[in-house]
């Protein structure tokens, strides 16, 4: 009565190339976000470059700030950057996991009507 057709899975090497593409995009996003953080902590927070890098990395990694910020502009930037970093983490994690979830859906036939 119903003919069940499924698309074949990508060969493993094509799948790995797809995963690497997603990881590359995620890496670029994290790099851009880290650059924004370093610039903001340096210019608005008044931190030296290396301290700005440490603070941006720690916030982006979810660990929290290292150095206290004295200026109001720096504190506002740190607040917005922390919120931005949390949302970026969710987005990047979703981007990296997407090919794996898609493959599981194919295996379980969840992407069919």
Protein backbone atom coordinates (compact mmCIF):
# COMPACT_ATOMS: atom_id res chain seq x y z
CA UNK A 1 0.00 0.00 0.00
CA UNK A 2 2.60 2.55 1.08
CA UNK A 3 5.98 2.42 -0.50
CA UNK A 4 8.63 3.55 1.93
CA UNK A 5 11.58 5.26 0.29
CA UNK A 6 14.48 6.62 2.25
CA UNK A 7 17.38 8.64 1.01
CA UNK A 8 20.64 6.76 1.40
CA UNK A 9 23.02 7.97 4.06
CA UNK A 10 26.02 9.95 2.94
CA UNK A 11 29.17 7.90 2.74
CA UNK A 12 31.30 8.27 5.86
CA UNK A 13 33.99 10.45 4.21
CA UNK A 14 31.38 12.87 2.83
CA UNK A 15 29.73 13.00 6.23
CA UNK A 16 33.08 13.79 7.87
CA UNK A 17 33.69 16.56 5.34
CA UNK A 18 30.27 17.98 6.17
CA UNK A 19 31.06 17.85 9.89
CA UNK A 20 34.40 19.56 9.28
CA UNK A 21 32.60 22.31 7.37
CA UNK A 22 30.23 22.90 10.26
CA UNK A 23 33.13 22.89 12.73
CA UNK A 24 34.99 25.39 10.53
CA UNK A 25 32.01 27.75 10.50
CA UNK A 26 31.65 27.36 14.27
CA UNK A 27 35.36 28.09 14.74
CA UNK A 28 35.10 31.26 12.67
CA UNK A 29 32.12 32.41 14.75
CA UNK A 30 33.99 31.77 17.99
CA UNK A 31 37.06 33.57 16.62
CA UNK A 32 35.02 36.62 15.63
CA UNK A 33 33.31 36.63 19.03
CA UNK A 34 36.68 36.37 20.77
CA UNK A 35 37.97 39.28 18.70
CA UNK A 36 34.95 41.39 19.67
CA UNK A 37 35.55 40.54 23.32
CA UNK A 38 39.25 41.38 23.21
CA UNK A 39 38.61 44.71 21.51
CA UNK A 40 35.80 45.59 23.90
CA UNK A 41 37.71 44.70 27.05
CA UNK A 42 40.77 46.56 25.81
CA UNK A 43 39.09 49.75 24.59
CA UNK A 44 36.05 49.97 26.88
CA UNK A 45 37.35 48.11 29.91
CA UNK A 46 40.80 49.68 29.83
CA UNK A 47 42.59 46.35 30.14
CA UNK A 48 45.96 45.53 28.54
CA UNK A 49 45.73 43.30 25.46
CA UNK A 50 46.71 40.08 27.23
CA UNK A 51 44.27 40.68 30.10
CA UNK A 52 41.56 41.54 27.57
CA UNK A 53 42.24 38.22 25.83
CA UNK A 54 42.05 36.30 29.12
CA UNK A 55 38.78 37.97 30.14
CA UNK A 56 37.18 37.49 26.72
CA UNK A 57 38.28 33.85 26.63
CA UNK A 58 36.99 33.14 30.12
CA UNK A 59 33.61 34.77 29.47
CA UNK A 60 33.29 33.04 26.09
CA UNK A 61 34.16 29.72 27.70
CA UNK A 62 31.57 30.21 30.44
CA UNK A 63 34.05 30.55 33.30
CA UNK A 64 33.45 34.17 34.24
CA UNK A 65 35.56 37.32 34.31
CA UNK A 66 39.08 37.48 35.75
CA UNK A 67 39.87 41.18 36.13
CA UNK A 68 37.61 43.81 37.70
CA UNK A 69 36.32 46.50 35.34
CA UNK A 70 36.27 50.06 36.66
CA UNK A 71 34.55 52.10 33.94
CA UNK A 72 30.81 52.19 33.35
CA UNK A 73 31.30 51.58 29.62
CA UNK A 74 33.46 48.56 30.40
CA UNK A 75 30.87 47.16 32.81
CA UNK A 76 28.10 47.60 30.25
CA UNK A 77 30.23 45.91 27.61
CA UNK A 78 31.05 43.03 29.97
CA UNK A 79 27.34 42.54 30.70
CA UNK A 80 26.31 42.48 27.06
CA UNK A 81 29.30 40.35 26.09
CA UNK A 82 28.41 37.78 28.74
CA UNK A 83 24.84 37.54 27.42
CA UNK A 84 26.09 37.40 23.84
CA UNK A 85 28.57 34.65 24.77
CA UNK A 86 25.85 32.52 26.34
CA UNK A 87 23.70 32.75 23.23
CA UNK A 88 26.71 32.13 21.00
CA UNK A 89 27.50 28.96 22.95
CA UNK A 90 24.00 27.63 22.32
CA UNK A 91 24.20 28.53 18.63
CA UNK A 92 27.66 27.04 18.09
CA UNK A 93 26.76 23.86 19.97
CA UNK A 94 23.66 23.50 17.80
CA UNK A 95 25.70 24.11 14.65
CA UNK A 96 28.27 21.45 15.55
CA UNK A 97 25.63 18.90 16.60
CA UNK A 98 23.35 19.48 13.58
CA UNK A 99 24.96 16.96 11.20
CA UNK A 100 24.91 14.25 13.87
CA UNK A 101 21.26 14.87 14.77
CA UNK A 102 20.38 14.90 11.07
CA UNK A 103 22.11 11.55 10.56
CA UNK A 104 20.28 10.03 13.52
CA UNK A 105 16.98 11.33 12.14
CA UNK A 106 17.78 9.65 8.82
CA UNK A 107 18.56 6.38 10.57
CA UNK A 108 15.31 6.53 12.53
CA UNK A 109 13.33 7.79 9.50
CA UNK A 110 12.19 10.86 11.47
CA UNK A 111 12.66 13.23 8.56
CA UNK A 112 9.97 11.55 6.45
CA UNK A 113 6.45 12.88 6.35
